[in-house]
PDB file of all heavy atoms in Angstrom:
ATOM      1  N   GLY A   1      29.322 -61.680 -23.376  1.00  0.00           N
ATOM      2  CA  GLY A   1      28.817 -62.476 -22.232  1.00  0.00           C
ATOM      3  C   GLY A   1      28.281 -61.562 -21.225  1.00  0.00           C
ATOM      4  O   GLY A   1      27.938 -60.413 -21.375  1.00  0.00           O
ATOM      5  N   GLY A   2      28.086 -62.122 -20.019  1.00  0.00           N
ATOM      6  CA  GLY A   2      27.456 -61.474 -18.874  1.00  0.00           C
ATOM      7  C   GLY A   2      28.125 -62.118 -17.608  1.00  0.00           C
ATOM      8  O   GLY A   2      28.835 -62.927 -17.738  1.00  0.00           O
ATOM      9  N   ALA A   3      27.786 -61.497 -16.520  1.00  0.00           N
ATOM     10  CA  ALA A   3      28.316 -61.817 -15.181  1.00  0.00           C
ATOM     11  C   ALA A   3      27.350 -62.750 -14.367  1.00  0.00           C
ATOM     12  O   ALA A   3      26.202 -62.558 -14.380  1.00  0.00           O
ATOM     13  CB  ALA A   3      28.650 -60.603 -14.386  1.00  0.00           C
ATOM     14  N   PHE A   4      28.001 -63.743 -13.827  1.00  0.00           N
ATOM     15  CA  PHE A   4      27.290 -64.750 -12.906  1.00  0.00           C
ATOM     16  C   PHE A   4      27.735 -64.407 -11.421  1.00  0.00           C
ATOM     17  O   PHE A   4      28.585 -64.957 -10.895  1.00  0.00           O
ATOM     18  CB  PHE A   4      27.753 -66.135 -13.361  1.00  0.00           C
ATOM     19  CG  PHE A   4      26.570 -67.189 -13.189  1.00  0.00           C
ATOM     20  CD1 PHE A   4      26.374 -68.017 -14.235  1.00  0.00           C
ATOM     21  CD2 PHE A   4      25.780 -67.224 -12.041  1.00  0.00           C
ATOM     22  CE1 PHE A   4      25.379 -68.966 -14.252  1.00  0.00           C
ATOM     23  CE2 PHE A   4      24.794 -68.168 -12.040  1.00  0.00           C
ATOM     24  CZ  PHE A   4      24.534 -69.038 -13.052  1.00  0.00           C
ATOM     25  N   THR A   5      26.985 -63.439 -10.903  1.00  0.00           N
ATOM     26  CA  THR A   5      27.387 -63.015  -9.545  1.00  0.00           C
ATOM     27  C   THR A   5      26.557 -63.802  -8.494  1.00  0.00           C
ATOM     28  O   THR A   5      25.634 -64.645  -8.807  1.00  0.00           O
ATOM     29  CB  THR A   5      26.912 -61.501  -9.384  1.00  0.00           C
ATOM     30  OG1 THR A   5      25.436 -61.398  -9.558  1.00  0.00           O
ATOM     31  CG2 THR A   5      27.766 -60.663 -10.399  1.00  0.00           C
ATOM     32  N   GLY A   6      26.772 -63.511  -7.183  1.00  0.00           N
ATOM     33  CA  GLY A   6      25.994 -64.110  -6.120  1.00  0.00           C
ATOM     34  C   GLY A   6      24.498 -63.758  -6.226  1.00  0.00           C
ATOM     35  O   GLY A   6      23.639 -64.540  -5.875  1.00  0.00           O
ATOM     36  N   SER A   7      24.240 -62.482  -6.625  1.00  0.00           N
ATOM     37  CA  SER A   7      22.839 -62.066  -6.752  1.00  0.00           C
ATOM     38  C   SER A   7      22.186 -62.901  -7.846  1.00  0.00           C
ATOM     39  O   SER A   7      20.941 -63.199  -7.794  1.00  0.00           O
ATOM     40  CB  SER A   7      22.788 -60.573  -7.083  1.00  0.00           C
ATOM     41  OG  SER A   7      23.372 -59.846  -5.999  1.00  0.00           O
ATOM     42  N   VAL A   8      22.885 -63.183  -8.980  1.00  0.00           N
ATOM     43  CA  VAL A   8      22.333 -63.897 -10.145  1.00  0.00           C
ATOM     44  C   VAL A   8      22.035 -65.281  -9.642  1.00  0.00           C
ATOM     45  O   VAL A   8      20.858 -65.781  -9.889  1.00  0.00           O
ATOM     46  CB  VAL A   8      23.333 -63.913 -11.253  1.00  0.00           C
ATOM     47  CG1 VAL A   8      22.852 -64.976 -12.376  1.00  0.00           C
ATOM     48  CG2 VAL A   8      23.433 -62.531 -11.952  1.00  0.00           C
ATOM     49  N   SER A   9      22.948 -65.869  -8.906  1.00  0.00           N
ATOM     50  CA  SER A   9      22.735 -67.245  -8.418  1.00  0.00           C
ATOM     51  C   SER A   9      21.481 -67.282  -7.524  1.00  0.00           C
ATOM     52  O   SER A   9      20.666 -68.208  -7.536  1.00  0.00           O
ATOM     53  CB  SER A   9      23.995 -67.783  -7.718  1.00  0.00           C
ATOM     54  OG  SER A   9      23.842 -69.075  -7.212  1.00  0.00           O
ATOM     55  N   TYR A  10      21.366 -66.277  -6.562  1.00  0.00           N
ATOM     56  CA  TYR A  10      20.303 -66.193  -5.750  1.00  0.00           C
ATOM     57  C   TYR A  10      18.942 -66.174  -6.461  1.00  0.00           C
ATOM     58  O   TYR A  10      17.983 -66.830  -6.134  1.00  0.00           O
ATOM     59  CB  TYR A  10      20.455 -65.041  -4.759  1.00  0.00           C
ATOM     60  CG  TYR A  10      19.266 -64.881  -3.852  1.00  0.00           C
ATOM     61  CD1 TYR A  10      19.049 -65.566  -2.717  1.00  0.00           C
ATOM     62  CD2 TYR A  10      18.284 -63.860  -4.230  1.00  0.00           C
ATOM     63  CE1 TYR A  10      17.858 -65.389  -1.895  1.00  0.00           C
ATOM     64  CE2 TYR A  10      17.239 -63.639  -3.417  1.00  0.00           C
ATOM     65  CZ  TYR A  10      16.985 -64.369  -2.252  1.00  0.00           C
ATOM     66  OH  TYR A  10      15.867 -64.040  -1.493  1.00  0.00           O
ATOM     67  N   ASN A  11      18.874 -65.262  -7.479  1.00  0.00           N
ATOM     68  CA  ASN A  11      17.622 -65.083  -8.164  1.00  0.00           C
ATOM     69  C   ASN A  11      17.280 -66.303  -8.987  1.00  0.00           C
ATOM     70  O   ASN A  11      16.077 -66.511  -9.156  1.00  0.00           O
ATOM     71  CB  ASN A  11      17.819 -63.805  -9.085  1.00  0.00           C
ATOM     72  CG  ASN A  11      17.771 -62.483  -8.365  1.00  0.00           C
ATOM     73  OD1 ASN A  11      16.811 -62.340  -7.470  1.00  0.00           O
ATOM     74  ND2 ASN A  11      18.565 -61.547  -8.685  1.00  0.00           N
ATOM     75  N   LEU A  12      18.210 -67.037  -9.495  1.00  0.00           N
ATOM     76  CA  LEU A  12      17.842 -68.247 -10.251  1.00  0.00           C
ATOM     77  C   LEU A  12      17.208 -69.254  -9.298  1.00  0.00           C
ATOM     78  O   LEU A  12      16.292 -69.872  -9.738  1.00  0.00           O
ATOM     79  CB  LEU A  12      19.148 -68.863 -10.824  1.00  0.00           C
ATOM     80  CG  LEU A  12      19.659 -68.183 -12.139  1.00  0.00           C
ATOM     81  CD1 LEU A  12      21.021 -68.636 -12.434  1.00  0.00           C
ATOM     82  CD2 LEU A  12      18.761 -68.480 -13.275  1.00  0.00           C
ATOM     83  N   ASP A  13      17.622 -69.330  -8.067  1.00  0.00           N
ATOM     84  CA  ASP A  13      16.956 -70.203  -7.088  1.00  0.00           C
ATOM     85  C   ASP A  13      15.583 -69.794  -6.751  1.00  0.00           C
ATOM     86  O   ASP A  13      14.919 -70.692  -6.186  1.00  0.00           O
ATOM     87  CB  ASP A  13      17.861 -70.264  -5.734  1.00  0.00           C
ATOM     88  CG  ASP A  13      19.191 -71.009  -6.020  1.00  0.00           C
ATOM     89  OD1 ASP A  13      19.254 -71.834  -6.892  1.00  0.00           O
ATOM     90  OD2 ASP A  13      20.097 -70.769  -5.184  1.00  0.00           O
ATOM     91  N   GLN A  14      15.151 -68.630  -7.044  1.00  0.00           N
ATOM     92  CA  GLN A  14      13.771 -68.191  -6.723  1.00  0.00           C
ATOM     93  C   GLN A  14      12.810 -68.617  -7.822  1.00  0.00           C
ATOM     94  O   GLN A  14      11.627 -68.517  -7.578  1.00  0.00           O
ATOM     95  CB  GLN A  14      13.795 -66.666  -6.610  1.00  0.00           C
ATOM     96  CG  GLN A  14      14.817 -66.058  -5.665  1.00  0.00           C
ATOM     97  CD  GLN A  14      14.772 -66.767  -4.371  1.00  0.00           C
ATOM     98  OE1 GLN A  14      13.777 -66.817  -3.654  1.00  0.00           O
ATOM     99  NE2 GLN A  14      15.959 -67.233  -3.968  1.00  0.00           N
ATOM    100  N   VAL A  15      13.234 -69.069  -8.974  1.00  0.00           N
ATOM    101  CA  VAL A  15      12.275 -69.495 -10.043  1.00  0.00           C
ATOM    102  C   VAL A  15      12.451 -71.017 -10.291  1.00  0.00           C
ATOM    103  O   VAL A  15      13.444 -71.711  -9.844  1.00  0.00           O
ATOM    104  CB  VAL A  15      12.503 -68.758 -11.354  1.00  0.00           C
ATOM    105  CG1 VAL A  15      12.339 -67.205 -11.067  1.00  0.00           C
ATOM    106  CG2 VAL A  15      13.921 -68.974 -11.853  1.00  0.00           C
ATOM    107  N   SER A  16      11.533 -71.560 -11.046  1.00  0.00           N
ATOM    108  CA  SER A  16      11.481 -72.979 -11.334  1.00  0.00           C
ATOM    109  C   SER A  16      12.655 -73.443 -12.101  1.00  0.00           C
ATOM    110  O   SER A  16      13.262 -72.623 -12.867  1.00  0.00           O
ATOM    111  CB  SER A  16      10.226 -73.412 -12.004  1.00  0.00           C
ATOM    112  OG  SER A  16      10.265 -72.756 -13.327  1.00  0.00           O
ATOM    113  N   GLU A  17      13.030 -74.726 -11.908  1.00  0.00           N
ATOM    114  CA  GLU A  17      14.174 -75.248 -12.776  1.00  0.00           C
ATOM    115  C   GLU A  17      13.907 -75.148 -14.272  1.00  0.00           C
ATOM    116  O   GLU A  17      14.930 -74.932 -15.081  1.00  0.00           O
ATOM    117  CB  GLU A  17      14.517 -76.765 -12.389  1.00  0.00           C
ATOM    118  CG  GLU A  17      15.092 -76.866 -10.990  1.00  0.00           C
ATOM    119  CD  GLU A  17      15.542 -78.141 -10.739  1.00  0.00           C
ATOM    120  OE1 GLU A  17      15.413 -79.116 -11.594  1.00  0.00           O
ATOM    121  OE2 GLU A  17      16.034 -78.493  -9.563  1.00  0.00           O
ATOM    122  N   GLU A  18      12.639 -75.338 -14.685  1.00  0.00           N
ATOM    123  CA  GLU A  18      12.309 -75.228 -16.077  1.00  0.00           C
ATOM    124  C   GLU A  18      12.565 -73.847 -16.583  1.00  0.00           C
ATOM    125  O   GLU A  18      13.131 -73.693 -17.708  1.00  0.00           O
ATOM    126  CB  GLU A  18      10.824 -75.596 -16.243  1.00  0.00           C
ATOM    127  CG  GLU A  18      10.410 -77.068 -15.983  1.00  0.00           C
ATOM    128  CD  GLU A  18      10.001 -77.200 -14.536  1.00  0.00           C
ATOM    129  OE1 GLU A  18      10.385 -76.375 -13.614  1.00  0.00           O
ATOM    130  OE2 GLU A  18       9.294 -78.170 -14.170  1.00  0.00           O
ATOM    131  N   LEU A  19      12.239 -72.823 -15.847  1.00  0.00           N
ATOM    132  CA  LEU A  19      12.506 -71.488 -16.244  1.00  0.00           C
ATOM    133  C   LEU A  19      14.014 -71.107 -16.260  1.00  0.00           C
ATOM    134  O   LEU A  19      14.577 -70.511 -17.128  1.00  0.00           O
ATOM    135  CB  LEU A  19      11.825 -70.452 -15.444  1.00  0.00           C
ATOM    136  CG  LEU A  19      11.925 -68.994 -15.722  1.00  0.00           C
ATOM    137  CD1 LEU A  19      11.548 -68.738 -17.248  1.00  0.00           C
ATOM    138  CD2 LEU A  19      11.112 -68.078 -14.882  1.00  0.00           C
ATOM    139  N   GLN A  20      14.645 -71.707 -15.209  1.00  0.00           N
ATOM    140  CA  GLN A  20      16.147 -71.495 -15.216  1.00  0.00           C
ATOM    141  C   GLN A  20      16.710 -72.010 -16.591  1.00  0.00           C
ATOM    142  O   GLN A  20      17.597 -71.318 -17.105  1.00  0.00           O
ATOM    143  CB  GLN A  20      16.694 -72.262 -14.022  1.00  0.00           C
ATOM    144  CG  GLN A  20      16.504 -71.653 -12.706  1.00  0.00           C
ATOM    145  CD  GLN A  20      17.123 -72.529 -11.590  1.00  0.00           C
ATOM    146  OE1 GLN A  20      18.216 -73.042 -11.645  1.00  0.00           O
ATOM    147  NE2 GLN A  20      16.305 -72.688 -10.527  1.00  0.00           N
ATOM    148  N   ASP A  21      16.438 -73.179 -16.933  1.00  0.00           N
ATOM    149  CA  ASP A  21      17.023 -73.797 -18.192  1.00  0.00           C
ATOM    150  C   ASP A  21      16.712 -72.993 -19.408  1.00  0.00           C
ATOM    151  O   ASP A  21      17.587 -72.823 -20.276  1.00  0.00           O
ATOM    152  CB  ASP A  21      16.359 -75.240 -18.335  1.00  0.00           C
ATOM    153  CG  ASP A  21      17.053 -76.284 -17.404  1.00  0.00           C
ATOM    154  OD1 ASP A  21      17.939 -75.818 -16.625  1.00  0.00           O
ATOM    155  OD2 ASP A  21      16.611 -77.358 -17.395  1.00  0.00           O
ATOM    156  N   LEU A  22      15.412 -72.436 -19.446  1.00  0.00           N
ATOM    157  CA  LEU A  22      15.067 -71.626 -20.558  1.00  0.00           C
ATOM    158  C   LEU A  22      15.980 -70.306 -20.584  1.00  0.00           C
ATOM    159  O   LEU A  22      16.306 -69.857 -21.718  1.00  0.00           O
ATOM    160  CB  LEU A  22      13.581 -71.303 -20.523  1.00  0.00           C
ATOM    161  CG  LEU A  22      12.705 -72.360 -20.911  1.00  0.00           C
ATOM    162  CD1 LEU A  22      11.200 -72.007 -20.694  1.00  0.00           C
ATOM    163  CD2 LEU A  22      12.870 -72.874 -22.336  1.00  0.00           C
ATOM    164  N   LEU A  23      16.215 -69.819 -19.526  1.00  0.00           N
ATOM    165  CA  LEU A  23      17.092 -68.633 -19.408  1.00  0.00           C
ATOM    166  C   LEU A  23      18.504 -68.960 -19.775  1.00  0.00           C
ATOM    167  O   LEU A  23      19.248 -68.060 -20.470  1.00  0.00           O
ATOM    168  CB  LEU A  23      16.937 -67.935 -18.065  1.00  0.00           C
ATOM    169  CG  LEU A  23      15.544 -67.451 -17.692  1.00  0.00           C
ATOM    170  CD1 LEU A  23      15.569 -66.857 -16.187  1.00  0.00           C
ATOM    171  CD2 LEU A  23      15.129 -66.291 -18.691  1.00  0.00           C
ATOM    172  N   TYR A  24      19.045 -70.071 -19.324  1.00  0.00           N
ATOM    173  CA  TYR A  24      20.346 -70.470 -19.728  1.00  0.00           C
ATOM    174  C   TYR A  24      20.479 -70.551 -21.188  1.00  0.00           C
ATOM    175  O   TYR A  24      21.384 -70.100 -21.870  1.00  0.00           O
ATOM    176  CB  TYR A  24      20.662 -71.853 -19.091  1.00  0.00           C
ATOM    177  CG  TYR A  24      20.912 -71.948 -17.608  1.00  0.00           C
ATOM    178  CD1 TYR A  24      20.586 -73.015 -16.894  1.00  0.00           C
ATOM    179  CD2 TYR A  24      21.447 -70.737 -16.973  1.00  0.00           C
ATOM    180  CE1 TYR A  24      20.780 -73.057 -15.568  1.00  0.00           C
ATOM    181  CE2 TYR A  24      21.561 -70.734 -15.567  1.00  0.00           C
ATOM    182  CZ  TYR A  24      21.290 -71.956 -14.813  1.00  0.00           C
ATOM    183  OH  TYR A  24      21.487 -72.004 -13.492  1.00  0.00           O
ATOM    184  N   LYS A  25      19.499 -71.223 -21.795  1.00  0.00           N
ATOM    185  CA  LYS A  25      19.433 -71.448 -23.340  1.00  0.00           C
ATOM    186  C   LYS A  25      19.288 -70.072 -24.000  1.00  0.00           C
ATOM    187  O   LYS A  25      19.822 -69.858 -25.068  1.00  0.00           O
ATOM    188  CB  LYS A  25      18.295 -72.312 -23.736  1.00  0.00           C
ATOM    189  CG  LYS A  25      18.552 -73.765 -23.340  1.00  0.00           C
ATOM    190  CD  LYS A  25      17.230 -74.665 -23.307  1.00  0.00           C
ATOM    191  CE  LYS A  25      16.853 -74.966 -24.700  1.00  0.00           C
ATOM    192  NZ  LYS A  25      15.673 -75.841 -24.735  1.00  0.00           N
ATOM    193  N   SER A  26      18.485 -69.153 -23.397  1.00  0.00           N
ATOM    194  CA  SER A  26      18.260 -67.882 -24.013  1.00  0.00           C
ATOM    195  C   SER A  26      19.524 -67.062 -24.180  1.00  0.00           C
ATOM    196  O   SER A  26      19.853 -66.302 -25.124  1.00  0.00           O
ATOM    197  CB  SER A  26      17.265 -66.992 -23.192  1.00  0.00           C
ATOM    198  OG  SER A  26      15.952 -67.517 -23.284  1.00  0.00           O
ATOM    199  N   TYR A  27      20.505 -67.216 -23.191  1.00  0.00           N
ATOM    200  CA  TYR A  27      21.689 -66.577 -23.199  1.00  0.00           C
ATOM    201  C   TYR A  27      22.768 -67.243 -24.025  1.00  0.00           C
ATOM    202  O   TYR A  27      23.497 -66.680 -24.767  1.00  0.00           O
ATOM    203  CB  TYR A  27      22.191 -66.247 -21.780  1.00  0.00           C
ATOM    204  CG  TYR A  27      21.799 -64.941 -21.249  1.00  0.00           C
ATOM    205  CD1 TYR A  27      21.027 -64.908 -19.990  1.00  0.00           C
ATOM    206  CD2 TYR A  27      22.113 -63.760 -21.844  1.00  0.00           C
ATOM    207  CE1 TYR A  27      20.701 -63.708 -19.416  1.00  0.00           C
ATOM    208  CE2 TYR A  27      21.745 -62.493 -21.205  1.00  0.00           C
ATOM    209  CZ  TYR A  27      21.056 -62.509 -20.089  1.00  0.00           C
ATOM    210  OH  TYR A  27      20.681 -61.368 -19.479  1.00  0.00           O
ATOM    211  N   TYR A  28      22.956 -68.615 -23.728  1.00  0.00           N
ATOM    212  CA  TYR A  28      24.192 -69.289 -24.206  1.00  0.00           C
ATOM    213  C   TYR A  28      24.026 -70.217 -25.350  1.00  0.00           C
ATOM    214  O   TYR A  28      24.954 -70.671 -25.753  1.00  0.00           O
ATOM    215  CB  TYR A  28      24.785 -69.945 -22.972  1.00  0.00           C
ATOM    216  CG  TYR A  28      25.573 -68.861 -22.130  1.00  0.00           C
ATOM    217  CD1 TYR A  28      24.829 -68.352 -21.027  1.00  0.00           C
ATOM    218  CD2 TYR A  28      26.894 -68.509 -22.330  1.00  0.00           C
ATOM    219  CE1 TYR A  28      25.493 -67.354 -20.225  1.00  0.00           C
ATOM    220  CE2 TYR A  28      27.450 -67.621 -21.580  1.00  0.00           C
ATOM    221  CZ  TYR A  28      26.740 -66.995 -20.590  1.00  0.00           C
ATOM    222  OH  TYR A  28      27.488 -66.031 -19.780  1.00  0.00           O
ATOM    223  N   SER A  29      22.814 -70.486 -25.808  1.00  0.00           N
ATOM    224  CA  SER A  29      22.611 -71.375 -26.930  1.00  0.00           C
ATOM    225  C   SER A  29      22.587 -70.610 -28.276  1.00  0.00           C
ATOM    226  O   SER A  29      22.407 -69.317 -28.218  1.00  0.00           O
ATOM    227  CB  SER A  29      21.291 -72.207 -26.807  1.00  0.00           C
ATOM    228  OG  SER A  29      20.193 -71.373 -27.136  1.00  0.00           O
ATOM    229  N   GLN A  30      22.746 -71.227 -29.402  1.00  0.00           N
ATOM    230  CA  GLN A  30      22.639 -70.634 -30.635  1.00  0.00           C
ATOM    231  C   GLN A  30      21.183 -70.333 -31.042  1.00  0.00           C
ATOM    232  O   GLN A  30      20.879 -69.559 -31.935  1.00  0.00           O
ATOM    233  CB  GLN A  30      23.236 -71.534 -31.760  1.00  0.00           C
ATOM    234  CG  GLN A  30      24.759 -71.582 -31.852  1.00  0.00           C
ATOM    235  CD  GLN A  30      25.280 -70.118 -32.012  1.00  0.00           C
ATOM    236  OE1 GLN A  30      25.678 -69.392 -31.031  1.00  0.00           O
ATOM    237  NE2 GLN A  30      25.212 -69.543 -33.199  1.00  0.00           N
ATOM    238  N   ASN A  31      20.187 -70.909 -30.329  1.00  0.00           N
ATOM    239  CA  ASN A  31      18.831 -70.447 -30.406  1.00  0.00           C
ATOM    240  C   ASN A  31      18.500 -69.307 -29.631  1.00  0.00           C
ATOM    241  O   ASN A  31      17.452 -68.658 -29.848  1.00  0.00           O
ATOM    242  CB  ASN A  31      17.986 -71.639 -29.962  1.00  0.00           C
ATOM    243  CG  ASN A  31      18.081 -72.909 -30.778  1.00  0.00           C
ATOM    244  OD1 ASN A  31      18.803 -73.782 -30.300  1.00  0.00           O
ATOM    245  ND2 ASN A  31      17.600 -72.950 -31.974  1.00  0.00           N
ATOM    246  N   GLY A  32      19.443 -68.875 -28.799  1.00  0.00           N
ATOM    247  CA  GLY A  32      19.331 -67.705 -28.025  1.00  0.00           C
ATOM    248  C   GLY A  32      20.260 -66.590 -28.563  1.00  0.00           C
ATOM    249  O   GLY A  32      20.234 -66.418 -29.828  1.00  0.00           O
ATOM    250  N   ILE A  33      21.033 -65.959 -27.699  1.00  0.00           N
ATOM    251  CA  ILE A  33      21.891 -64.882 -28.225  1.00  0.00           C
ATOM    252  C   ILE A  33      23.343 -65.234 -28.230  1.00  0.00           C
ATOM    253  O   ILE A  33      24.223 -64.385 -28.396  1.00  0.00           O
ATOM    254  CB  ILE A  33      21.574 -63.537 -27.452  1.00  0.00           C
ATOM    255  CG1 ILE A  33      21.994 -63.599 -25.979  1.00  0.00           C
ATOM    256  CG2 ILE A  33      20.124 -63.086 -27.655  1.00  0.00           C
ATOM    257  CD1 ILE A  33      21.985 -62.299 -25.276  1.00  0.00           C
ATOM    258  N   GLY A  34      23.734 -66.563 -27.997  1.00  0.00           N
ATOM    259  CA  GLY A  34      24.969 -67.079 -28.357  1.00  0.00           C
ATOM    260  C   GLY A  34      26.138 -66.538 -27.474  1.00  0.00           C
ATOM    261  O   GLY A  34      27.306 -66.462 -27.988  1.00  0.00           O
ATOM    262  N   TYR A  35      25.831 -66.181 -26.285  1.00  0.00           N
ATOM    263  CA  TYR A  35      27.041 -65.727 -25.357  1.00  0.00           C
ATOM    264  C   TYR A  35      28.160 -66.760 -25.300  1.00  0.00           C
ATOM    265  O   TYR A  35      27.811 -68.004 -25.310  1.00  0.00           O
ATOM    266  CB  TYR A  35      26.485 -65.496 -23.932  1.00  0.00           C
ATOM    267  CG  TYR A  35      26.009 -64.120 -23.638  1.00  0.00           C
ATOM    268  CD1 TYR A  35      25.857 -63.030 -24.604  1.00  0.00           C
ATOM    269  CD2 TYR A  35      25.624 -63.795 -22.285  1.00  0.00           C
ATOM    270  CE1 TYR A  35      25.473 -61.938 -24.193  1.00  0.00           C
ATOM    271  CE2 TYR A  35      25.234 -62.443 -21.961  1.00  0.00           C
ATOM    272  CZ  TYR A  35      25.150 -61.593 -22.894  1.00  0.00           C
ATOM    273  OH  TYR A  35      24.681 -60.304 -22.538  1.00  0.00           O
ATOM    274  N   ASN A  36      29.375 -66.390 -25.110  1.00  0.00           N
ATOM    275  CA  ASN A  36      30.433 -67.287 -24.976  1.00  0.00           C
ATOM    276  C   ASN A  36      31.448 -66.863 -23.840  1.00  0.00           C
ATOM    277  O   ASN A  36      32.435 -67.464 -23.580  1.00  0.00           O
ATOM    278  CB  ASN A  36      31.282 -67.538 -26.260  1.00  0.00           C
ATOM    279  CG  ASN A  36      32.014 -66.329 -26.632  1.00  0.00           C
ATOM    280  OD1 ASN A  36      31.684 -65.208 -26.408  1.00  0.00           O
ATOM    281  ND2 ASN A  36      33.185 -66.594 -27.289  1.00  0.00           N
ATOM    282  N   PHE A  37      31.014 -65.852 -23.020  1.00  0.00           N
ATOM    283  CA  PHE A  37      31.779 -65.401 -21.883  1.00  0.00           C
ATOM    284  C   PHE A  37      30.933 -65.445 -20.650  1.00  0.00           C
ATOM    285  O   PHE A  37      29.784 -65.045 -20.632  1.00  0.00           O
ATOM    286  CB  PHE A  37      32.309 -63.954 -22.104  1.00  0.00           C
ATOM    287  CG  PHE A  37      33.699 -63.919 -22.749  1.00  0.00           C
ATOM    288  CD1 PHE A  37      33.963 -63.670 -24.022  1.00  0.00           C
ATOM    289  CD2 PHE A  37      34.872 -64.135 -21.820  1.00  0.00           C
ATOM    290  CE1 PHE A  37      35.230 -63.584 -24.518  1.00  0.00           C
ATOM    291  CE2 PHE A  37      36.112 -63.971 -22.317  1.00  0.00           C
ATOM    292  CZ  PHE A  37      36.285 -63.770 -23.693  1.00  0.00           C
ATOM    293  N   ILE A  38      31.616 -65.647 -19.475  1.00  0.00           N
ATOM    294  CA  ILE A  38      31.048 -65.438 -18.210  1.00  0.00           C
ATOM    295  C   ILE A  38      32.056 -64.699 -17.326  1.00  0.00           C
ATOM    296  O   ILE A  38      33.240 -65.165 -17.327  1.00  0.00           O
ATOM    297  CB  ILE A  38      30.629 -66.803 -17.442  1.00  0.00           C
ATOM    298  CG1 ILE A  38      29.582 -67.561 -18.217  1.00  0.00           C
ATOM    299  CG2 ILE A  38      30.068 -66.531 -16.114  1.00  0.00           C
ATOM    300  CD1 ILE A  38      29.208 -68.905 -17.635  1.00  0.00           C
ATOM    301  N   ARG A  39      31.702 -63.698 -16.694  1.00  0.00           N
ATOM    302  CA  ARG A  39      32.546 -63.104 -15.630  1.00  0.00           C
ATOM    303  C   ARG A  39      32.109 -63.464 -14.207  1.00  0.00           C
ATOM    304  O   ARG A  39      30.811 -63.453 -13.973  1.00  0.00           O
ATOM    305  CB  ARG A  39      32.582 -61.566 -15.751  1.00  0.00           C
ATOM    306  CG  ARG A  39      33.440 -60.839 -14.868  1.00  0.00           C
ATOM    307  CD  ARG A  39      33.422 -59.350 -15.152  1.00  0.00           C
ATOM    308  NE  ARG A  39      34.325 -58.588 -14.381  1.00  0.00           N
ATOM    309  CZ  ARG A  39      33.982 -57.511 -13.639  1.00  0.00           C
ATOM    310  NH1 ARG A  39      32.685 -57.103 -13.733  1.00  0.00           N
ATOM    311  NH2 ARG A  39      34.862 -56.796 -12.935  1.00  0.00           N
ATOM    312  N   ILE A  40      32.979 -63.999 -13.423  1.00  0.00           N
ATOM    313  CA  ILE A  40      32.583 -64.358 -12.055  1.00  0.00           C
ATOM    314  C   ILE A  40      33.524 -63.707 -11.017  1.00  0.00           C
ATOM    315  O   ILE A  40      34.630 -63.288 -11.370  1.00  0.00           O
ATOM    316  CB  ILE A  40      32.775 -65.951 -11.850  1.00  0.00           C
ATOM    317  CG1 ILE A  40      34.234 -66.433 -12.035  1.00  0.00           C
ATOM    318  CG2 ILE A  40      31.785 -66.657 -12.849  1.00  0.00           C
ATOM    319  CD1 ILE A  40      34.416 -67.820 -11.646  1.00  0.00           C
ATOM    320  N   PRO A  41      33.031 -63.444  -9.791  1.00  0.00           N
ATOM    321  CA  PRO A  41      33.889 -62.872  -8.740  1.00  0.00           C
ATOM    322  C   PRO A  41      34.732 -63.898  -8.072  1.00  0.00           C
ATOM    323  O   PRO A  41      34.392 -65.068  -8.026  1.00  0.00           O
ATOM    324  CB  PRO A  41      32.847 -62.274  -7.786  1.00  0.00           C
ATOM    325  CG  PRO A  41      31.541 -63.070  -7.980  1.00  0.00           C
ATOM    326  CD  PRO A  41      31.611 -63.592  -9.413  1.00  0.00           C
ATOM    327  N   ILE A  42      35.871 -63.393  -7.613  1.00  0.00           N
ATOM    328  CA  ILE A  42      36.706 -64.250  -6.754  1.00  0.00           C
ATOM    329  C   ILE A  42      36.396 -63.837  -5.329  1.00  0.00           C
ATOM    330  O   ILE A  42      36.838 -62.728  -4.940  1.00  0.00           O
ATOM    331  CB  ILE A  42      38.248 -64.047  -7.100  1.00  0.00           C
ATOM    332  CG1 ILE A  42      38.549 -64.453  -8.487  1.00  0.00           C
ATOM    333  CG2 ILE A  42      39.095 -64.864  -6.125  1.00  0.00           C
ATOM    334  CD1 ILE A  42      39.949 -64.101  -8.915  1.00  0.00           C
TER     335      ILE A  42
END
């Protein structure tokens, strides 16, 4: 998997929702690279 930091959240807000969705699918779907972990800060 990968990390969902404050910087990641901020950068996602800078692009269109359609592109956000494609990036989510690229990482976490079986059509993408199949991630199953997220690391988040407390």
